Amino acid sequence: MTIEPVVKIGDLLTLIGFLVIGLGIIWTMKGELKMLSRDVQSQGLKIDKLEQIVTTQAVQNERMNMFDRRLDDMAHGRGFVIHREFRSASDSILDGVK
């Protein structure tokens, strides 16, 4: 077996073809990666907005729960601040509510 140091035109054309195809694939993937990067950034912004909405909703839900607790306390006669002078007159009223 001998090694021929001769380079044929067909071999050069094959090499050039592979290079062109490889560069085309790289070029195409570069464009797709840019589009993918933009999509990921867009999704990140949407997730940030969704996080803000969920946080706002959780805070509002907690406020509504606190309001319900206060309303229940008031319905059961708890939570009223009564001055000491009026305490004796209103004891019978409050004792009936509890």
PDB file of N, CA and C in Angstrom:
ATOM      1  N   MET A   1       0.846  -1.156   0.000  1.00  0.00           N
ATOM      2  CA  MET A   1       0.000   0.000   0.000  1.00  0.00           C
ATOM      3  C   MET A   1       0.904   1.235   0.000  1.00  0.00           C
ATOM      4  N   THR A   2       0.616   2.101  -0.922  1.00  0.00           N
ATOM      5  CA  THR A   2       1.399   3.326  -1.036  1.00  0.00           C
ATOM      6  C   THR A   2       0.489   4.533  -0.889  1.00  0.00           C
ATOM      7  N   ILE A   3       1.036   5.601  -0.369  1.00  0.00           N
ATOM      8  CA  ILE A   3       0.289   6.848  -0.189  1.00  0.00           C
ATOM      9  C   ILE A   3       0.581   7.719  -1.384  1.00  0.00           C
ATOM     10  N   GLU A   4      -0.468   8.145  -2.062  1.00  0.00           N
ATOM     11  CA  GLU A   4      -0.310   9.019  -3.215  1.00  0.00           C
ATOM     12  C   GLU A   4      -0.400  10.472  -2.755  1.00  0.00           C
ATOM     13  N   PRO A   5       0.621  11.254  -3.002  1.00  0.00           N
ATOM     14  CA  PRO A   5       0.585  12.657  -2.597  1.00  0.00           C
ATOM     15  C   PRO A   5      -0.169  13.543  -3.588  1.00  0.00           C
ATOM     16  N   VAL A   6      -0.936  12.967  -4.445  1.00  0.00           N
ATOM     17  CA  VAL A   6      -1.638  13.712  -5.476  1.00  0.00           C
ATOM     18  C   VAL A   6      -3.014  14.120  -4.937  1.00  0.00           C
ATOM     19  N   VAL A   7      -3.352  15.380  -5.114  1.00  0.00           N
ATOM     20  CA  VAL A   7      -4.659  15.890  -4.720  1.00  0.00           C
ATOM     21  C   VAL A   7      -5.457  16.080  -5.995  1.00  0.00           C
ATOM     22  N   LYS A   8      -6.607  15.451  -6.027  1.00  0.00           N
ATOM     23  CA  LYS A   8      -7.441  15.523  -7.227  1.00  0.00           C
ATOM     24  C   LYS A   8      -8.445  16.662  -7.090  1.00  0.00           C
ATOM     25  N   ILE A   9      -8.947  17.118  -8.186  1.00  0.00           N
ATOM     26  CA  ILE A   9      -9.928  18.200  -8.211  1.00  0.00           C
ATOM     27  C   ILE A   9     -11.208  17.754  -7.501  1.00  0.00           C
ATOM     28  N   GLY A  10     -11.585  16.521  -7.662  1.00  0.00           N
ATOM     29  CA  GLY A  10     -12.778  15.986  -6.992  1.00  0.00           C
ATOM     30  C   GLY A  10     -12.640  16.041  -5.481  1.00  0.00           C
ATOM     31  N   ASP A  11     -11.439  15.736  -4.987  1.00  0.00           N
ATOM     32  CA  ASP A  11     -11.202  15.807  -3.545  1.00  0.00           C
ATOM     33  C   ASP A  11     -11.333  17.243  -3.037  1.00  0.00           C
ATOM     34  N   LEU A  12     -10.784  18.190  -3.802  1.00  0.00           N
ATOM     35  CA  LEU A  12     -10.900  19.603  -3.419  1.00  0.00           C
ATOM     36  C   LEU A  12     -12.354  20.072  -3.434  1.00  0.00           C
ATOM     37  N   LEU A  13     -13.097  19.653  -4.444  1.00  0.00           N
ATOM     38  CA  LEU A  13     -14.516  20.032  -4.529  1.00  0.00           C
ATOM     39  C   LEU A  13     -15.310  19.423  -3.376  1.00  0.00           C
ATOM     40  N   THR A  14     -14.990  18.202  -3.005  1.00  0.00           N
ATOM     41  CA  THR A  14     -15.657  17.557  -1.877  1.00  0.00           C
ATOM     42  C   THR A  14     -15.363  18.316  -0.581  1.00  0.00           C
ATOM     43  N   LEU A  15     -14.092  18.679  -0.389  1.00  0.00           N
ATOM     44  CA  LEU A  15     -13.709  19.429   0.803  1.00  0.00           C
ATOM     45  C   LEU A  15     -14.407  20.784   0.854  1.00  0.00           C
ATOM     46  N   ILE A  16     -14.428  21.475  -0.268  1.00  0.00           N
ATOM     47  CA  ILE A  16     -15.107  22.778  -0.341  1.00  0.00           C
ATOM     48  C   ILE A  16     -16.605  22.612  -0.079  1.00  0.00           C
ATOM     49  N   GLY A  17     -17.201  21.566  -0.613  1.00  0.00           N
ATOM     50  CA  GLY A  17     -18.629  21.295  -0.386  1.00  0.00           C
ATOM     51  C   GLY A  17     -18.925  21.077   1.090  1.00  0.00           C
ATOM     52  N   PHE A  18     -18.072  20.265   1.751  1.00  0.00           N
ATOM     53  CA  PHE A  18     -18.260  20.041   3.185  1.00  0.00           C
ATOM     54  C   PHE A  18     -18.118  21.340   3.976  1.00  0.00           C
ATOM     55  N   LEU A  19     -17.152  22.167   3.614  1.00  0.00           N
ATOM     56  CA  LEU A  19     -16.972  23.441   4.299  1.00  0.00           C
ATOM     57  C   LEU A  19     -18.181  24.362   4.113  1.00  0.00           C
ATOM     58  N   VAL A  20     -18.684  24.427   2.886  1.00  0.00           N
ATOM     59  CA  VAL A  20     -19.837  25.276   2.602  1.00  0.00           C
ATOM     60  C   VAL A  20     -21.062  24.782   3.381  1.00  0.00           C
ATOM     61  N   ILE A  21     -21.266  23.478   3.380  1.00  0.00           N
ATOM     62  CA  ILE A  21     -22.408  22.921   4.108  1.00  0.00           C
ATOM     63  C   ILE A  21     -22.251  23.174   5.615  1.00  0.00           C
ATOM     64  N   GLY A  22     -21.047  22.976   6.142  1.00  0.00           N
ATOM     65  CA  GLY A  22     -20.800  23.228   7.568  1.00  0.00           C
ATOM     66  C   GLY A  22     -21.040  24.676   7.938  1.00  0.00           C
ATOM     67  N   LEU A  23     -20.554  25.611   7.112  1.00  0.00           N
ATOM     68  CA  LEU A  23     -20.788  27.034   7.368  1.00  0.00           C
ATOM     69  C   LEU A  23     -22.266  27.387   7.268  1.00  0.00           C
ATOM     70  N   GLY A  24     -22.975  26.750   6.325  1.00  0.00           N
ATOM     71  CA  GLY A  24     -24.422  26.985   6.205  1.00  0.00           C
ATOM     72  C   GLY A  24     -25.167  26.518   7.439  1.00  0.00           C
ATOM     73  N   ILE A  25     -24.769  25.368   7.960  1.00  0.00           N
ATOM     74  CA  ILE A  25     -25.410  24.859   9.175  1.00  0.00           C
ATOM     75  C   ILE A  25     -25.129  25.786  10.354  1.00  0.00           C
ATOM     76  N   ILE A  26     -23.877  26.229  10.475  1.00  0.00           N
ATOM     77  CA  ILE A  26     -23.521  27.150  11.564  1.00  0.00           C
ATOM     78  C   ILE A  26     -24.301  28.450  11.432  1.00  0.00           C
ATOM     79  N   TRP A  27     -24.392  28.984  10.230  1.00  0.00           N
ATOM     80  CA  TRP A  27     -25.123  30.234   9.999  1.00  0.00           C
ATOM     81  C   TRP A  27     -26.595  30.085  10.371  1.00  0.00           C
ATOM     82  N   THR A  28     -27.192  28.966   9.956  1.00  0.00           N
ATOM     83  CA  THR A  28     -28.603  28.720  10.261  1.00  0.00           C
ATOM     84  C   THR A  28     -28.812  28.569  11.770  1.00  0.00           C
ATOM     85  N   MET A  29     -27.930  27.829  12.419  1.00  0.00           N
ATOM     86  CA  MET A  29     -28.067  27.632  13.861  1.00  0.00           C
ATOM     87  C   MET A  29     -27.862  28.937  14.622  1.00  0.00           C
ATOM     88  N   LYS A  30     -26.993  29.803  14.091  1.00  0.00           N
ATOM     89  CA  LYS A  30     -26.764  31.090  14.735  1.00  0.00           C
ATOM     90  C   LYS A  30     -28.055  31.915  14.734  1.00  0.00           C
ATOM     91  N   GLY A  31     -28.759  31.928  13.618  1.00  0.00           N
ATOM     92  CA  GLY A  31     -30.035  32.637  13.532  1.00  0.00           C
ATOM     93  C   GLY A  31     -31.086  32.034  14.444  1.00  0.00           C
ATOM     94  N   GLU A  32     -31.119  30.701  14.488  1.00  0.00           N
ATOM     95  CA  GLU A  32     -32.088  30.032  15.352  1.00  0.00           C
ATOM     96  C   GLU A  32     -31.772  30.292  16.826  1.00  0.00           C
ATOM     97  N   LEU A  33     -30.504  30.347  17.172  1.00  0.00           N
ATOM     98  CA  LEU A  33     -30.129  30.632  18.554  1.00  0.00           C
ATOM     99  C   LEU A  33     -30.508  32.059  18.950  1.00  0.00           C
ATOM    100  N   LYS A  34     -30.389  33.002  18.018  1.00  0.00           N
ATOM    101  CA  LYS A  34     -30.814  34.375  18.310  1.00  0.00           C
ATOM    102  C   LYS A  34     -32.320  34.429  18.555  1.00  0.00           C
ATOM    103  N   MET A  35     -33.087  33.724  17.709  1.00  0.00           N
ATOM    104  CA  MET A  35     -34.541  33.699  17.895  1.00  0.00           C
ATOM    105  C   MET A  35     -34.897  33.015  19.210  1.00  0.00           C
ATOM    106  N   LEU A  36     -34.203  31.925  19.533  1.00  0.00           N
ATOM    107  CA  LEU A  36     -34.442  31.223  20.778  1.00  0.00           C
ATOM    108  C   LEU A  36     -34.109  32.105  21.978  1.00  0.00           C
ATOM    109  N   SER A  37     -33.042  32.877  21.878  1.00  0.00           N
ATOM    110  CA  SER A  37     -32.656  33.794  22.948  1.00  0.00           C
ATOM    111  C   SER A  37     -33.737  34.849  23.166  1.00  0.00           C
ATOM    112  N   ARG A  38     -34.269  35.397  22.082  1.00  0.00           N
ATOM    113  CA  ARG A  38     -35.347  36.381  22.202  1.00  0.00           C
ATOM    114  C   ARG A  38     -36.592  35.758  22.819  1.00  0.00           C
ATOM    115  N   ASP A  39     -36.904  34.524  22.416  1.00  0.00           N
ATOM    116  CA  ASP A  39     -38.074  33.848  22.981  1.00  0.00           C
ATOM    117  C   ASP A  39     -37.905  33.608  24.479  1.00  0.00           C
ATOM    118  N   VAL A  40     -36.703  33.205  24.885  1.00  0.00           N
ATOM    119  CA  VAL A  40     -36.448  32.954  26.307  1.00  0.00           C
ATOM    120  C   VAL A  40     -36.554  34.261  27.099  1.00  0.00           C
ATOM    121  N   GLN A  41     -36.036  35.348  26.561  1.00  0.00           N
ATOM    122  CA  GLN A  41     -36.159  36.636  27.244  1.00  0.00           C
ATOM    123  C   GLN A  41     -37.618  37.057  27.360  1.00  0.00           C
ATOM    124  N   SER A  42     -38.379  36.827  26.300  1.00  0.00           N
ATOM    125  CA  SER A  42     -39.803  37.163  26.320  1.00  0.00           C
ATOM    126  C   SER A  42     -40.532  36.331  27.374  1.00  0.00           C
ATOM    127  N   GLN A  43     -40.214  35.054  27.453  1.00  0.00           N
ATOM    128  CA  GLN A  43     -40.829  34.191  28.461  1.00  0.00           C
ATOM    129  C   GLN A  43     -40.438  34.642  29.869  1.00  0.00           C
ATOM    130  N   GLY A  44     -39.193  35.080  30.023  1.00  0.00           N
ATOM    131  CA  GLY A  44     -38.743  35.581  31.333  1.00  0.00           C
ATOM    132  C   GLY A  44     -39.533  36.800  31.765  1.00  0.00           C
ATOM    133  N   LEU A  45     -39.797  37.702  30.830  1.00  0.00           N
ATOM    134  CA  LEU A  45     -40.604  38.885  31.152  1.00  0.00           C
ATOM    135  C   LEU A  45     -42.026  38.492  31.529  1.00  0.00           C
ATOM    136  N   LYS A  46     -42.574  37.521  30.809  1.00  0.00           N
ATOM    137  CA  LYS A  46     -43.929  37.063  31.119  1.00  0.00           C
ATOM    138  C   LYS A  46     -43.973  36.397  32.493  1.00  0.00           C
ATOM    139  N   ILE A  47     -42.946  35.639  32.822  1.00  0.00           N
ATOM    140  CA  ILE A  47     -42.891  34.986  34.124  1.00  0.00           C
ATOM    141  C   ILE A  47     -42.770  36.030  35.231  1.00  0.00           C
ATOM    142  N   ASP A  48     -41.971  37.074  35.001  1.00  0.00           N
ATOM    143  CA  ASP A  48     -41.864  38.151  35.993  1.00  0.00           C
ATOM    144  C   ASP A  48     -43.209  38.828  36.213  1.00  0.00           C
ATOM    145  N   LYS A  49     -43.936  39.080  35.134  1.00  0.00           N
ATOM    146  CA  LYS A  49     -45.256  39.703  35.239  1.00  0.00           C
ATOM    147  C   LYS A  49     -46.218  38.771  35.982  1.00  0.00           C
ATOM    148  N   LEU A  50     -46.160  37.482  35.662  1.00  0.00           N
ATOM    149  CA  LEU A  50     -47.019  36.511  36.334  1.00  0.00           C
ATOM    150  C   LEU A  50     -46.683  36.426  37.816  1.00  0.00           C
ATOM    151  N   GLU A  51     -45.401  36.496  38.149  1.00  0.00           N
ATOM    152  CA  GLU A  51     -44.980  36.488  39.557  1.00  0.00           C
ATOM    153  C   GLU A  51     -45.557  37.688  40.298  1.00  0.00           C
ATOM    154  N   GLN A  52     -45.533  38.842  39.650  1.00  0.00           N
ATOM    155  CA  GLN A  52     -46.083  40.052  40.260  1.00  0.00           C
ATOM    156  C   GLN A  52     -47.585  39.905  40.478  1.00  0.00           C
ATOM    157  N   ILE A  53     -48.273  39.337  39.511  1.00  0.00           N
ATOM    158  CA  ILE A  53     -49.724  39.161  39.624  1.00  0.00           C
ATOM    159  C   ILE A  53     -50.058  38.190  40.746  1.00  0.00           C
ATOM    160  N   VAL A  54     -49.327  37.086  40.821  1.00  0.00           N
ATOM    161  CA  VAL A  54     -49.589  36.095  41.866  1.00  0.00           C
ATOM    162  C   VAL A  54     -49.307  36.681  43.247  1.00  0.00           C
ATOM    163  N   THR A  55     -48.233  37.459  43.362  1.00  0.00           N
ATOM    164  CA  THR A  55     -47.917  38.093  44.641  1.00  0.00           C
ATOM    165  C   THR A  55     -49.013  39.067  45.047  1.00  0.00           C
ATOM    166  N   THR A  56     -49.472  39.869  44.114  1.00  0.00           N
ATOM    167  CA  THR A  56     -50.549  40.821  44.399  1.00  0.00           C
ATOM    168  C   THR A  56     -51.818  40.094  44.819  1.00  0.00           C
ATOM    169  N   GLN A  57     -52.119  39.008  44.145  1.00  0.00           N
ATOM    170  CA  GLN A  57     -53.311  38.233  44.480  1.00  0.00           C
ATOM    171  C   GLN A  57     -53.174  37.606  45.870  1.00  0.00           C
ATOM    172  N   ALA A  58     -51.981  37.116  46.207  1.00  0.00           N
ATOM    173  CA  ALA A  58     -51.778  36.523  47.531  1.00  0.00           C
ATOM    174  C   ALA A  58     -51.937  37.572  48.628  1.00  0.00           C
ATOM    175  N   VAL A  59     -51.402  38.760  48.394  1.00  0.00           N
ATOM    176  CA  VAL A  59     -51.544  39.841  49.385  1.00  0.00           C
ATOM    177  C   VAL A  59     -53.013  40.217  49.537  1.00  0.00           C
ATOM    178  N   GLN A  60     -53.714  40.322  48.437  1.00  0.00           N
ATOM    179  CA  GLN A  60     -55.134  40.665  48.493  1.00  0.00           C
ATOM    180  C   GLN A  60     -55.917  39.564  49.207  1.00  0.00           C
ATOM    181  N   ASN A  61     -55.584  38.322  48.942  1.00  0.00           N
ATOM    182  CA  ASN A  61     -56.261  37.211  49.607  1.00  0.00           C
ATOM    183  C   ASN A  61     -56.020  37.248  51.118  1.00  0.00           C
ATOM    184  N   GLU A  62     -54.789  37.555  51.518  1.00  0.00           N
ATOM    185  CA  GLU A  62     -54.480  37.654  52.946  1.00  0.00           C
ATOM    186  C   GLU A  62     -55.251  38.805  53.593  1.00  0.00           C
ATOM    187  N   ARG A  63     -55.374  39.916  52.889  1.00  0.00           N
ATOM    188  CA  ARG A  63     -56.137  41.044  53.424  1.00  0.00           C
ATOM    189  C   ARG A  63     -57.604  40.669  53.592  1.00  0.00           C
ATOM    190  N   MET A  64     -58.142  39.934  52.626  1.00  0.00           N
ATOM    191  CA  MET A  64     -59.539  39.506  52.724  1.00  0.00           C
ATOM    192  C   MET A  64     -59.721  38.533  53.889  1.00  0.00           C
ATOM    193  N   ASN A  65     -58.751  37.647  54.098  1.00  0.00           N
ATOM    194  CA  ASN A  65     -58.824  36.729  55.239  1.00  0.00           C
ATOM    195  C   ASN A  65     -58.798  37.490  56.560  1.00  0.00           C
ATOM    196  N   MET A  66     -57.925  38.502  56.642  1.00  0.00           N
ATOM    197  CA  MET A  66     -57.863  39.315  57.858  1.00  0.00           C
ATOM    198  C   MET A  66     -59.184  40.044  58.076  1.00  0.00           C
ATOM    199  N   PHE A  67     -59.778  40.557  57.014  1.00  0.00           N
ATOM    200  CA  PHE A  67     -61.064  41.238  57.122  1.00  0.00           C
ATOM    201  C   PHE A  67     -62.145  40.273  57.603  1.00  0.00           C
ATOM    202  N   ASP A  68     -62.145  39.048  57.071  1.00  0.00           N
ATOM    203  CA  ASP A  68     -63.113  38.047  57.508  1.00  0.00           C
ATOM    204  C   ASP A  68     -62.942  37.727  58.988  1.00  0.00           C
ATOM    205  N   ARG A  69     -61.683  37.603  59.432  1.00  0.00           N
ATOM    206  CA  ARG A  69     -61.446  37.321  60.850  1.00  0.00           C
ATOM    207  C   ARG A  69     -61.953  38.462  61.726  1.00  0.00           C
ATOM    208  N   ARG A  70     -61.696  39.677  61.290  1.00  0.00           N
ATOM    209  CA  ARG A  70     -62.183  40.834  62.061  1.00  0.00           C
ATOM    210  C   ARG A  70     -63.706  40.856  62.094  1.00  0.00           C
ATOM    211  N   LEU A  71     -64.311  40.558  60.973  1.00  0.00           N
ATOM    212  CA  LEU A  71     -65.770  40.542  60.901  1.00  0.00           C
ATOM    213  C   LEU A  71     -66.339  39.450  61.797  1.00  0.00           C
ATOM    214  N   ASP A  72     -65.717  38.280  61.796  1.00  0.00           N
ATOM    215  CA  ASP A  72     -66.155  37.200  62.694  1.00  0.00           C
ATOM    216  C   ASP A  72     -65.987  37.605  64.153  1.00  0.00           C
ATOM    217  N   ASP A  73     -64.855  38.246  64.478  1.00  0.00           N
ATOM    218  CA  ASP A  73     -64.638  38.694  65.852  1.00  0.00           C
ATOM    219  C   ASP A  73     -65.705  39.696  66.271  1.00  0.00           C
ATOM    220  N   MET A  74     -66.047  40.585  65.369  1.00  0.00           N
ATOM    221  CA  MET A  74     -67.069  41.580  65.682  1.00  0.00           C
ATOM    222  C   MET A  74     -68.433  40.916  65.838  1.00  0.00           C
ATOM    223  N   ALA A  75     -68.695  39.905  65.045  1.00  0.00           N
ATOM    224  CA  ALA A  75     -69.976  39.203  65.144  1.00  0.00           C
ATOM    225  C   ALA A  75     -70.088  38.454  66.461  1.00  0.00           C
ATOM    226  N   HIS A  76     -68.958  38.035  67.007  1.00  0.00           N
ATOM    227  CA  HIS A  76     -68.955  37.326  68.285  1.00  0.00           C
ATOM    228  C   HIS A  76     -68.741  38.266  69.472  1.00  0.00           C
ATOM    229  N   GLY A  77     -68.709  39.543  69.241  1.00  0.00           N
ATOM    230  CA  GLY A  77     -68.596  40.500  70.327  1.00  0.00           C
ATOM    231  C   GLY A  77     -67.174  40.773  70.756  1.00  0.00           C
ATOM    232  N   ARG A  78     -66.197  40.270  70.028  1.00  0.00           N
ATOM    233  CA  ARG A  78     -64.806  40.526  70.372  1.00  0.00           C
ATOM    234  C   ARG A  78     -64.290  41.651  69.470  1.00  0.00           C
ATOM    235  N   GLY A  79     -63.335  42.387  69.981  1.00  0.00           N
ATOM    236  CA  GLY A  79     -62.720  43.414  69.168  1.00  0.00           C
ATOM    237  C   GLY A  79     -63.238  44.814  69.423  1.00  0.00           C
ATOM    238  N   PHE A  80     -64.250  44.958  70.245  1.00  0.00           N
ATOM    239  CA  PHE A  80     -64.758  46.284  70.570  1.00  0.00           C
ATOM    240  C   PHE A  80     -63.948  46.866  71.721  1.00  0.00           C
ATOM    241  N   VAL A  81     -63.604  48.110  71.609  1.00  0.00           N
ATOM    242  CA  VAL A  81     -62.926  48.797  72.698  1.00  0.00           C
ATOM    243  C   VAL A  81     -63.978  49.619  73.418  1.00  0.00           C
ATOM    244  N   ILE A  82     -64.196  49.281  74.690  1.00  0.00           N
ATOM    245  CA  ILE A  82     -65.239  49.962  75.459  1.00  0.00           C
ATOM    246  C   ILE A  82     -64.567  50.716  76.593  1.00  0.00           C
ATOM    247  N   HIS A  83     -64.922  51.979  76.744  1.00  0.00           N
ATOM    248  CA  HIS A  83     -64.371  52.809  77.803  1.00  0.00           C
ATOM    249  C   HIS A  83     -64.839  52.254  79.143  1.00  0.00           C
ATOM    250  N   ARG A  84     -64.020  52.383  80.183  1.00  0.00           N
ATOM    251  CA  ARG A  84     -64.317  51.782  81.487  1.00  0.00           C
ATOM    252  C   ARG A  84     -65.608  52.330  82.102  1.00  0.00           C
ATOM    253  N   GLU A  85     -65.919  53.579  81.859  1.00  0.00           N
ATOM    254  CA  GLU A  85     -67.137  54.161  82.447  1.00  0.00           C
ATOM    255  C   GLU A  85     -68.380  53.493  81.882  1.00  0.00           C
ATOM    256  N   PHE A  86     -68.312  53.108  80.628  1.00  0.00           N
ATOM    257  CA  PHE A  86     -69.478  52.505  79.989  1.00  0.00           C
ATOM    258  C   PHE A  86     -69.466  50.985  80.115  1.00  0.00           C
ATOM    259  N   ARG A  87     -68.418  50.442  80.684  1.00  0.00           N
ATOM    260  CA  ARG A  87     -68.276  48.991  80.789  1.00  0.00           C
ATOM    261  C   ARG A  87     -69.368  48.387  81.664  1.00  0.00           C
ATOM    262  N   SER A  88     -69.669  49.002  82.769  1.00  0.00           N
ATOM    263  CA  SER A  88     -70.659  48.433  83.684  1.00  0.00           C
ATOM    264  C   SER A  88     -72.055  48.442  83.063  1.00  0.00           C
ATOM    265  N   ALA A  89     -72.359  49.471  82.291  1.00  0.00           N
ATOM    266  CA  ALA A  89     -73.672  49.561  81.682  1.00  0.00           C
ATOM    267  C   ALA A  89     -73.819  48.580  80.529  1.00  0.00           C
ATOM    268  N   SER A  90     -72.701  48.240  79.893  1.00  0.00           N
ATOM    269  CA  SER A  90     -72.812  47.379  78.713  1.00  0.00           C
ATOM    270  C   SER A  90     -72.426  45.942  78.998  1.00  0.00           C
ATOM    271  N   ASP A  91     -72.108  45.598  80.236  1.00  0.00           N
ATOM    272  CA  ASP A  91     -71.718  44.226  80.565  1.00  0.00           C
ATOM    273  C   ASP A  91     -72.822  43.239  80.242  1.00  0.00           C
ATOM    274  N   SER A  92     -74.041  43.585  80.566  1.00  0.00           N
ATOM    275  CA  SER A  92     -75.135  42.655  80.331  1.00  0.00           C
ATOM    276  C   SER A  92     -75.349  42.428  78.844  1.00  0.00           C
ATOM    277  N   ILE A  93     -75.137  43.448  78.041  1.00  0.00           N
ATOM    278  CA  ILE A  93     -75.298  43.302  76.592  1.00  0.00           C
ATOM    279  C   ILE A  93     -74.205  42.407  76.023  1.00  0.00           C
ATOM    280  N   LEU A  94     -72.972  42.638  76.422  1.00  0.00           N
ATOM    281  CA  LEU A  94     -71.858  41.863  75.907  1.00  0.00           C
ATOM    282  C   LEU A  94     -71.870  40.423  76.409  1.00  0.00           C
ATOM    283  N   ASP A  95     -72.319  40.199  77.614  1.00  0.00           N
ATOM    284  CA  ASP A  95     -72.375  38.846  78.154  1.00  0.00           C
ATOM    285  C   ASP A  95     -73.384  38.007  77.381  1.00  0.00           C
ATOM    286  N   GLY A  96     -74.435  38.585  76.922  1.00  0.00           N
ATOM    287  CA  GLY A  96     -75.432  37.840  76.150  1.00  0.00           C
ATOM    288  C   GLY A  96     -74.927  37.484  74.751  1.00  0.00           C
ATOM    289  N   VAL A  97     -73.996  38.274  74.206  1.00  0.00           N
ATOM    290  CA  VAL A  97     -73.488  38.030  72.856  1.00  0.00           C
ATOM    291  C   VAL A  97     -72.477  36.893  72.850  1.00  0.00           C
ATOM    292  N   LYS A  98     -71.669  36.814  73.881  1.00  0.00           N
ATOM    293  CA  LYS A  98     -70.616  35.804  73.926  1.00  0.00           C
ATOM    294  C   LYS A  98     -71.238  34.448  74.007  1.00  0.00           C
TER     295      LYS A  98
END
